[in-house]
Protein backbone atom coordinates (compact mmCIF):
# COMPACT_ATOMS: atom_id res chain seq x y z
CA MET A 1 78.36 -292.42 -61.16
CA ARG A 2 81.18 -293.82 -59.02
CA VAL A 3 84.12 -291.52 -58.31
CA ILE A 4 87.50 -291.58 -56.59
CA ILE A 5 88.76 -288.36 -55.01
CA TYR A 6 92.46 -287.60 -54.92
CA GLY A 7 94.14 -284.86 -52.88
CA ARG A 8 97.84 -284.06 -52.88
CA VAL A 9 99.96 -281.87 -50.63
CA SER A 10 101.96 -279.07 -52.23
CA ARG A 11 104.76 -276.83 -51.05
CA ASP A 12 102.99 -273.49 -50.87
CA PRO A 13 104.89 -270.94 -48.74
CA ARG A 14 102.55 -268.14 -49.80
CA GLN A 15 99.49 -270.25 -48.91
CA LEU A 16 97.76 -269.51 -52.21
CA GLY A 17 96.74 -273.10 -52.81
CA ARG A 18 94.62 -275.56 -50.86
CA SER A 19 95.54 -278.05 -48.19
CA VAL A 20 94.85 -281.72 -48.82
CA GLU A 21 91.78 -281.60 -46.59
CA GLU A 22 90.44 -278.51 -48.38
CA GLN A 23 90.93 -280.23 -51.73
CA ILE A 24 89.09 -283.30 -50.50
CA ALA A 25 86.28 -281.18 -49.03
CA GLU A 26 85.71 -279.27 -52.28
CA CYS A 27 85.71 -282.42 -54.39
CA THR A 28 83.41 -284.16 -51.91
CA ALA A 29 80.95 -281.24 -52.02
CA TRP A 30 81.04 -281.34 -55.81
CA ALA A 31 80.28 -285.08 -55.86
CA LYS A 32 77.41 -284.70 -53.41
CA ARG A 33 75.85 -281.88 -55.43
CA GLU A 34 75.90 -284.11 -58.50
CA GLY A 35 74.67 -287.17 -56.63
CA TRP A 36 77.82 -289.17 -57.41
CA GLU A 37 78.90 -292.12 -55.25
CA ILE A 38 82.30 -291.60 -53.61
CA VAL A 39 83.99 -295.00 -53.77
CA ARG A 40 87.36 -293.98 -52.36
CA VAL A 41 89.29 -290.97 -51.09
CA VAL A 42 93.08 -290.97 -51.46
CA ARG A 43 95.43 -288.51 -49.75
CA GLU A 44 98.98 -288.07 -51.05
CA THR A 45 101.85 -286.45 -49.17
CA ALA A 46 104.42 -286.52 -52.00
CA SER A 47 104.73 -283.88 -54.71
CA ALA A 48 103.37 -284.28 -58.25
CA SER A 49 106.35 -282.35 -59.61
CA ARG A 50 108.88 -284.24 -61.70
CA TYR A 51 111.50 -282.55 -59.50
CA ALA A 52 110.21 -284.32 -56.40
CA ARG A 53 112.27 -287.24 -55.11
CA LEU A 54 109.65 -289.25 -53.27
CA GLU A 55 107.79 -292.04 -54.99
CA ARG A 56 104.08 -291.25 -55.28
CA ARG A 57 102.82 -294.53 -53.87
CA TYR A 58 99.22 -293.41 -53.40
CA TRP A 59 99.02 -291.99 -56.92
CA ASN A 60 99.97 -295.42 -58.25
CA GLU A 61 97.11 -296.78 -56.17
CA VAL A 62 94.74 -294.34 -57.92
CA LEU A 63 95.93 -295.51 -61.34
CA GLU A 64 95.30 -299.11 -60.33
CA VAL A 65 91.72 -298.28 -59.28
CA LEU A 66 91.10 -296.50 -62.59
CA SER A 67 92.58 -299.34 -64.63
CA ALA A 68 90.47 -301.91 -62.80
CA GLY A 69 87.28 -300.08 -63.77
CA GLU A 70 86.24 -299.66 -60.14
CA VAL A 71 85.12 -296.06 -60.74
CA ASP A 72 83.72 -293.92 -63.54
CA ALA A 73 85.59 -290.71 -62.78
CA LEU A 74 88.61 -289.26 -61.01
CA LEU A 75 88.11 -285.97 -59.16
CA THR A 76 90.99 -283.64 -58.26
CA TRP A 77 91.03 -280.01 -57.13
CA GLU A 78 92.95 -278.88 -60.20
CA ASN A 79 94.97 -280.41 -63.03
CA SER A 80 98.31 -280.05 -61.25
CA ARG A 81 97.08 -282.02 -58.22
CA ALA A 82 97.37 -285.14 -60.39
CA THR A 83 100.51 -284.37 -62.37
CA ARG A 84 103.01 -281.70 -63.33
CA ASP A 85 104.83 -284.01 -65.72
CA LEU A 86 103.68 -284.54 -69.31
CA THR A 87 104.91 -288.13 -69.21
CA ALA A 88 102.72 -288.84 -66.18
CA TYR A 89 99.82 -286.98 -67.83
CA THR A 90 100.13 -289.20 -70.90
CA GLU A 91 99.99 -292.26 -68.64
CA LEU A 92 96.88 -290.95 -66.88
CA ARG A 93 95.20 -290.08 -70.18
CA LYS A 94 95.83 -293.56 -71.55
CA VAL A 95 94.48 -295.20 -68.39
CA CYS A 96 91.35 -293.05 -68.53
CA VAL A 97 90.75 -293.73 -72.23
CA ASP A 98 91.33 -297.49 -71.91
CA ALA A 99 89.10 -297.80 -68.83
CA GLY A 100 86.43 -295.34 -70.01
CA VAL A 101 87.05 -293.07 -67.00
CA SER A 102 86.45 -289.31 -66.93
CA TRP A 103 88.64 -286.78 -65.12
CA GLY A 104 87.12 -283.89 -63.26
CA TYR A 105 88.84 -280.81 -61.81
CA SER A 106 88.08 -277.14 -61.26
CA GLY A 107 84.36 -277.92 -61.41
CA ARG A 108 84.46 -279.42 -64.90
CA LEU A 109 84.24 -283.08 -65.93
CA PHE A 110 86.31 -284.18 -68.94
CA ASP A 111 85.50 -287.26 -71.02
CA MET A 112 89.02 -288.36 -71.92
CA ALA A 113 87.75 -290.27 -74.95
CA GLU A 114 86.89 -286.93 -76.59
CA ARG A 115 89.47 -284.93 -78.54
CA ASP A 116 88.45 -281.60 -76.99
CA SER A 117 88.85 -282.97 -73.47
CA ARG A 118 92.27 -284.43 -74.24
CA PHE A 119 93.36 -281.09 -75.72
CA ARG A 120 92.14 -279.07 -72.73
CA THR A 121 93.60 -281.37 -70.09
CA GLY A 122 96.83 -281.71 -72.06
CA LEU A 123 97.18 -277.93 -72.30
CA ASP A 124 96.58 -277.58 -68.56
CA ALA A 125 99.20 -280.27 -67.89
CA LEU A 126 101.69 -278.43 -70.12
CA LEU A 127 101.09 -275.19 -68.21
CA ALA A 128 101.44 -277.02 -64.88
CA GLU A 129 104.76 -278.55 -65.95
CA ASP A 130 106.05 -275.15 -67.04
CA GLU A 131 105.05 -273.63 -63.69
CA ALA A 132 106.84 -276.47 -61.87
CA ALA A 133 109.99 -275.78 -63.90
CA ARG A 134 109.77 -272.06 -63.17
CA THR A 135 109.30 -272.75 -59.47
CA SER A 136 112.33 -275.04 -59.43
CA GLU A 137 114.45 -272.40 -61.14
CA ARG A 138 113.33 -269.73 -58.66
CA ILE A 139 114.18 -271.99 -55.72
CA LEU A 140 117.63 -272.78 -57.10
CA ARG A 141 118.36 -269.09 -57.67
CA SER A 142 117.16 -268.26 -54.16
CA VAL A 143 119.30 -271.01 -52.61
CA ARG A 144 122.43 -269.84 -54.45
CA HIS A 145 121.77 -266.20 -53.55
CA ALA A 146 121.44 -267.19 -49.89
CA ALA A 147 124.67 -269.20 -50.12
CA LEU A 148 126.64 -266.29 -51.60
CA ALA A 149 125.32 -264.09 -48.78
CA GLY A 150 126.48 -266.67 -46.22
CA ARG A 151 122.96 -267.47 -45.08
CA PRO A 152 121.87 -271.01 -44.11
CA HIS A 153 119.64 -273.35 -46.06
CA GLY A 154 117.86 -276.45 -44.85
CA LYS A 155 118.24 -278.08 -41.46
CA ASN A 156 120.04 -276.40 -38.62
CA LEU A 157 123.67 -277.47 -38.18
CA TYR A 158 124.37 -279.35 -34.95
CA GLY A 159 126.18 -277.07 -32.53
CA TYR A 160 124.17 -273.98 -33.39
CA ARG A 161 120.72 -272.55 -32.75
CA ARG A 162 118.69 -270.14 -34.82
CA VAL A 163 117.19 -267.06 -33.22
CA TYR A 164 113.99 -265.74 -34.82
CA ASP A 165 112.00 -262.54 -34.41
CA SER A 166 109.00 -263.45 -32.25
CA ALA A 167 106.63 -261.31 -34.33
CA THR A 168 107.78 -261.78 -37.93
CA ARG A 169 109.49 -265.18 -37.56
CA GLN A 170 112.37 -263.81 -39.60
CA LEU A 171 115.80 -265.20 -38.83
CA ILE A 172 117.79 -262.73 -36.72
CA ARG A 173 121.02 -264.63 -36.18
CA ILE A 174 122.66 -268.01 -35.77
CA GLU A 175 124.64 -268.52 -32.60
CA PRO A 176 126.44 -271.41 -30.90
CA ASP A 177 124.17 -273.67 -28.87
CA PRO A 178 125.83 -273.78 -25.42
CA ALA A 179 125.48 -277.54 -24.93
CA GLN A 180 125.96 -278.73 -28.51
CA ALA A 181 128.82 -276.36 -29.35
CA THR A 182 130.72 -277.76 -26.37
CA ILE A 183 130.36 -281.27 -27.80
CA VAL A 184 131.65 -280.21 -31.23
CA ARG A 185 134.66 -278.46 -29.73
CA GLU A 186 135.38 -281.39 -27.40
CA ALA A 187 135.30 -283.90 -30.25
CA ALA A 188 137.66 -281.73 -32.30
CA ARG A 189 140.08 -281.28 -29.38
CA ARG A 190 140.14 -284.97 -28.53
CA VAL A 191 140.89 -286.02 -32.10
CA LEU A 192 143.79 -283.56 -32.16
CA GLU A 193 145.00 -285.03 -28.87
CA GLY A 194 145.00 -288.55 -30.31
CA ASP A 195 141.71 -290.02 -29.08
CA THR A 196 139.97 -292.51 -31.33
CA LEU A 197 136.51 -291.89 -32.76
CA TYR A 198 135.33 -294.98 -30.89
CA ALA A 199 136.53 -293.60 -27.56
CA ILE A 200 134.88 -290.25 -28.21
CA ALA A 201 131.55 -291.82 -29.18
CA LYS A 202 131.66 -294.17 -26.16
CA SER A 203 132.33 -291.24 -23.84
CA PHE A 204 129.39 -289.25 -25.22
CA ASN A 205 127.05 -292.21 -24.80
CA GLU A 206 128.19 -292.92 -21.25
CA ARG A 207 127.48 -289.29 -20.34
CA GLY A 208 124.05 -289.39 -21.95
CA VAL A 209 124.84 -286.87 -24.69
CA LEU A 210 122.02 -286.89 -27.23
CA PRO A 211 123.15 -287.78 -30.78
CA ARG A 212 123.29 -285.19 -33.56
CA ARG A 213 120.31 -286.73 -35.31
CA VAL A 214 117.60 -288.99 -33.95
CA PRO A 215 117.56 -292.15 -36.11
CA PHE A 216 114.29 -292.98 -37.88
CA LYS A 217 114.74 -296.73 -37.64
CA GLU A 218 113.87 -298.24 -34.27
CA HIS A 219 116.84 -300.65 -34.14
CA ARG A 220 119.27 -297.74 -34.54
CA LYS A 221 117.81 -295.51 -31.83
CA ARG A 222 119.67 -297.39 -29.09
CA LEU A 223 123.06 -296.84 -30.76
CA GLY A 224 123.44 -293.21 -29.74
CA TRP A 225 126.75 -291.74 -30.88
CA THR A 226 128.85 -293.91 -33.20
CA PRO A 227 132.39 -293.43 -34.55
CA VAL A 228 130.87 -292.75 -37.97
CA ALA A 229 128.61 -290.03 -36.53
CA VAL A 230 131.54 -288.31 -34.84
CA LYS A 231 133.54 -288.37 -38.09
CA GLN A 232 130.60 -287.09 -40.14
CA MET A 233 130.37 -284.14 -37.78
CA LEU A 234 134.06 -283.26 -37.80
CA VAL A 235 134.52 -283.38 -41.59
CA GLN A 236 131.97 -280.63 -42.19
CA PRO A 237 133.78 -277.43 -43.23
CA SER A 238 130.79 -275.36 -42.08
CA TYR A 239 132.17 -275.58 -38.54
CA THR A 240 135.01 -273.28 -39.63
CA GLY A 241 132.50 -270.51 -40.37
CA VAL A 242 132.25 -270.89 -44.15
CA ARG A 243 129.21 -271.36 -46.39
CA ILE A 244 129.24 -274.42 -48.63
CA HIS A 245 127.20 -274.64 -51.84
CA ASN A 246 127.37 -277.61 -54.19
CA GLY A 247 130.42 -278.87 -52.34
CA GLU A 248 132.40 -275.63 -52.63
CA VAL A 249 133.17 -272.77 -50.26
CA VAL A 250 131.36 -269.74 -51.68
CA ALA A 251 131.36 -267.24 -48.80
CA ASP A 252 131.98 -266.57 -45.13
CA ALA A 253 129.05 -267.89 -43.14
CA SER A 254 126.68 -265.79 -41.09
CA TRP A 255 127.49 -267.96 -38.08
CA PRO A 256 130.72 -268.02 -36.02
CA ALA A 257 133.27 -270.81 -36.33
CA LEU A 258 133.37 -273.55 -33.71
CA ILE A 259 136.66 -274.99 -35.02
CA GLU A 260 139.61 -272.90 -36.19
CA GLN A 261 140.56 -273.46 -39.85
CA GLY A 262 144.05 -274.70 -38.96
CA ASP A 263 142.68 -277.18 -36.42
CA TRP A 264 140.06 -278.36 -38.90
CA ASP A 265 142.73 -278.97 -41.56
CA ARG A 266 144.77 -281.07 -39.11
CA ILE A 267 141.66 -283.03 -38.16
CA GLN A 268 141.02 -283.88 -41.82
CA ALA A 269 144.58 -285.14 -42.18
CA ILE A 270 144.06 -287.41 -39.15
CA LEU A 271 140.64 -288.71 -40.21
CA HIS A 272 141.59 -289.34 -43.81
């Protein structure tokens, strides 16, 4: 029997799941024990959750292989490695039925043409979707709780650095980064003094100041600071020492201000 193995990464802060390589290894061992021919191995870095934003390009590749009849079975570590969305499950089920392909996970092979197999896999998909929804709700509650407490979420804000406990890796404090904080304050001061965003960006580039964010696209890496980048930095209210959540100020931040509120207000009037 010809099989395709599919492994997908998952956000797993408690490390209770399996890495992509571990998933592939377990499925490969299973196939070898059964004497099945491994036709292809596909590794996915996007989430199967319907809450994920990235397109699952490699999963679409798997569906194409199944539809083309190139394999007799799809092997995944568990049901949720393939989908946590009932709509996507229905698509997979139809592809398997139409192409006569089985689906194997958790050490069991399901013939999708059989009613019992469709019921079992459908129930597992329903449970996986519910768990994805619960996880999303927990994350949203955690993010809002952190916001109300003034704690950060996501990437570090330019101008600051995070200090962690060397043993526990818990965040101890957020403090101004000596070099970057100076740049933020200088940009704010110069706007208040009447300098243009172009002049500020040009000055930073001439002095070799690294940009706030390193561009992903090669043709933009040589641009360095731009007027737009300077403006994007100065319009962020977080520099006044407040915590923003869903576009609103919800608490005082756990980090010190780099720009006084009055100065920030005047900057907004100038930039807008």
